[in-house]
Amino acid sequence: EIERGELVHVTLVEKLLADSTIAILVPRGREPTLPARIAMDAVRRQLRSFAKRLPRHGFTSNFAQRTQEDEAM
């Protein structure tokens, strides 16, 4: 999958997350399996919870706002 470009690394740009060990693997061009969707949903919920605790300034504020907008969808 890595050699075919289906699995890629995307660096986190949020300064508070830059040194974290968070990794989310999503196959490109394929619908995630049910277990993958469940795992991604759990990560999404935890990141939203984390975003609510971030300071409300600069890029961090934008990150928190995007996660809140995502949650409303």
Protein backbone atom coordinates (compact mmCIF):
# COMPACT_ATOMS: atom_id res chain seq x y z
CA GLU A 1 0.00 0.00 0.00
CA ILE A 2 2.86 2.40 0.76
CA GLU A 3 4.66 1.56 -2.50
CA ARG A 4 1.44 2.01 -4.50
CA GLY A 5 0.81 5.39 -2.81
CA GLU A 6 -2.39 4.15 -1.17
CA LEU A 7 -0.99 4.71 2.31
CA VAL A 8 0.65 8.07 2.95
CA HIS A 9 2.00 9.98 5.94
CA VAL A 10 0.52 13.41 6.63
CA THR A 11 2.35 15.51 9.20
CA LEU A 12 0.19 17.24 11.78
CA VAL A 13 0.60 21.01 11.55
CA GLU A 14 -1.06 21.95 14.85
CA LYS A 15 1.81 23.09 17.12
CA LEU A 16 0.29 21.45 20.19
CA LEU A 17 0.04 18.16 18.30
CA ALA A 18 3.31 18.33 16.35
CA ASP A 19 5.23 16.09 18.76
CA SER A 20 2.38 13.63 19.22
CA THR A 21 2.29 10.04 18.08
CA ILE A 22 -1.17 10.19 16.53
CA ALA A 23 -1.45 8.19 13.31
CA ILE A 24 -4.57 7.66 11.25
CA LEU A 25 -4.32 5.36 8.25
CA VAL A 26 -6.94 5.70 5.55
CA PRO A 27 -6.83 3.79 2.26
CA ARG A 28 -6.97 6.17 -0.69
CA GLY A 29 -9.84 5.56 -3.08
CA ARG A 30 -11.55 2.83 -1.03
CA GLU A 31 -14.43 2.96 1.42
CA PRO A 32 -13.09 2.25 4.95
CA THR A 33 -14.27 -1.00 6.52
CA LEU A 34 -16.75 -0.93 9.39
CA PRO A 35 -13.99 -1.47 12.02
CA ALA A 36 -11.94 1.34 10.43
CA ARG A 37 -14.94 3.70 10.46
CA ILE A 38 -15.60 2.87 14.12
CA ALA A 39 -11.95 3.53 15.00
CA MET A 40 -11.88 6.79 13.03
CA ASP A 41 -15.09 7.93 14.72
CA ALA A 42 -13.57 7.24 18.15
CA VAL A 43 -10.45 9.23 17.21
CA ARG A 44 -12.62 12.05 15.81
CA ARG A 45 -14.59 12.27 19.07
CA GLN A 46 -11.42 12.35 21.17
CA LEU A 47 -9.81 15.01 18.95
CA ARG A 48 -12.96 17.15 19.20
CA SER A 49 -12.84 16.81 22.96
CA PHE A 50 -9.17 17.78 22.90
CA ALA A 51 -9.89 20.76 20.62
CA LYS A 52 -12.39 22.15 23.11
CA ARG A 53 -9.58 22.39 25.67
CA LEU A 54 -7.16 24.23 23.36
CA PRO A 55 -6.45 27.95 23.82
CA ARG A 56 -8.66 30.13 21.61
CA HIS A 57 -6.08 32.00 19.53
CA GLY A 58 -4.36 31.81 16.15
CA PHE A 59 -4.20 28.49 14.32
CA THR A 60 -5.34 26.64 17.42
CA SER A 61 -8.60 28.57 17.35
CA ASN A 62 -9.08 27.67 13.69
CA PHE A 63 -8.44 24.00 14.50
CA ALA A 64 -10.98 24.08 17.32
CA GLN A 65 -13.52 25.89 15.12
CA ARG A 66 -13.12 23.35 12.30
CA THR A 67 -13.67 20.44 14.68
CA GLN A 68 -16.76 22.12 16.14
CA GLU A 69 -18.16 22.73 12.66
CA ASP A 70 -17.42 19.10 11.80
CA GLU A 71 -19.29 18.01 14.92
CA ALA A 72 -22.35 20.00 13.88
CA MET A 73 -22.56 18.15 10.54
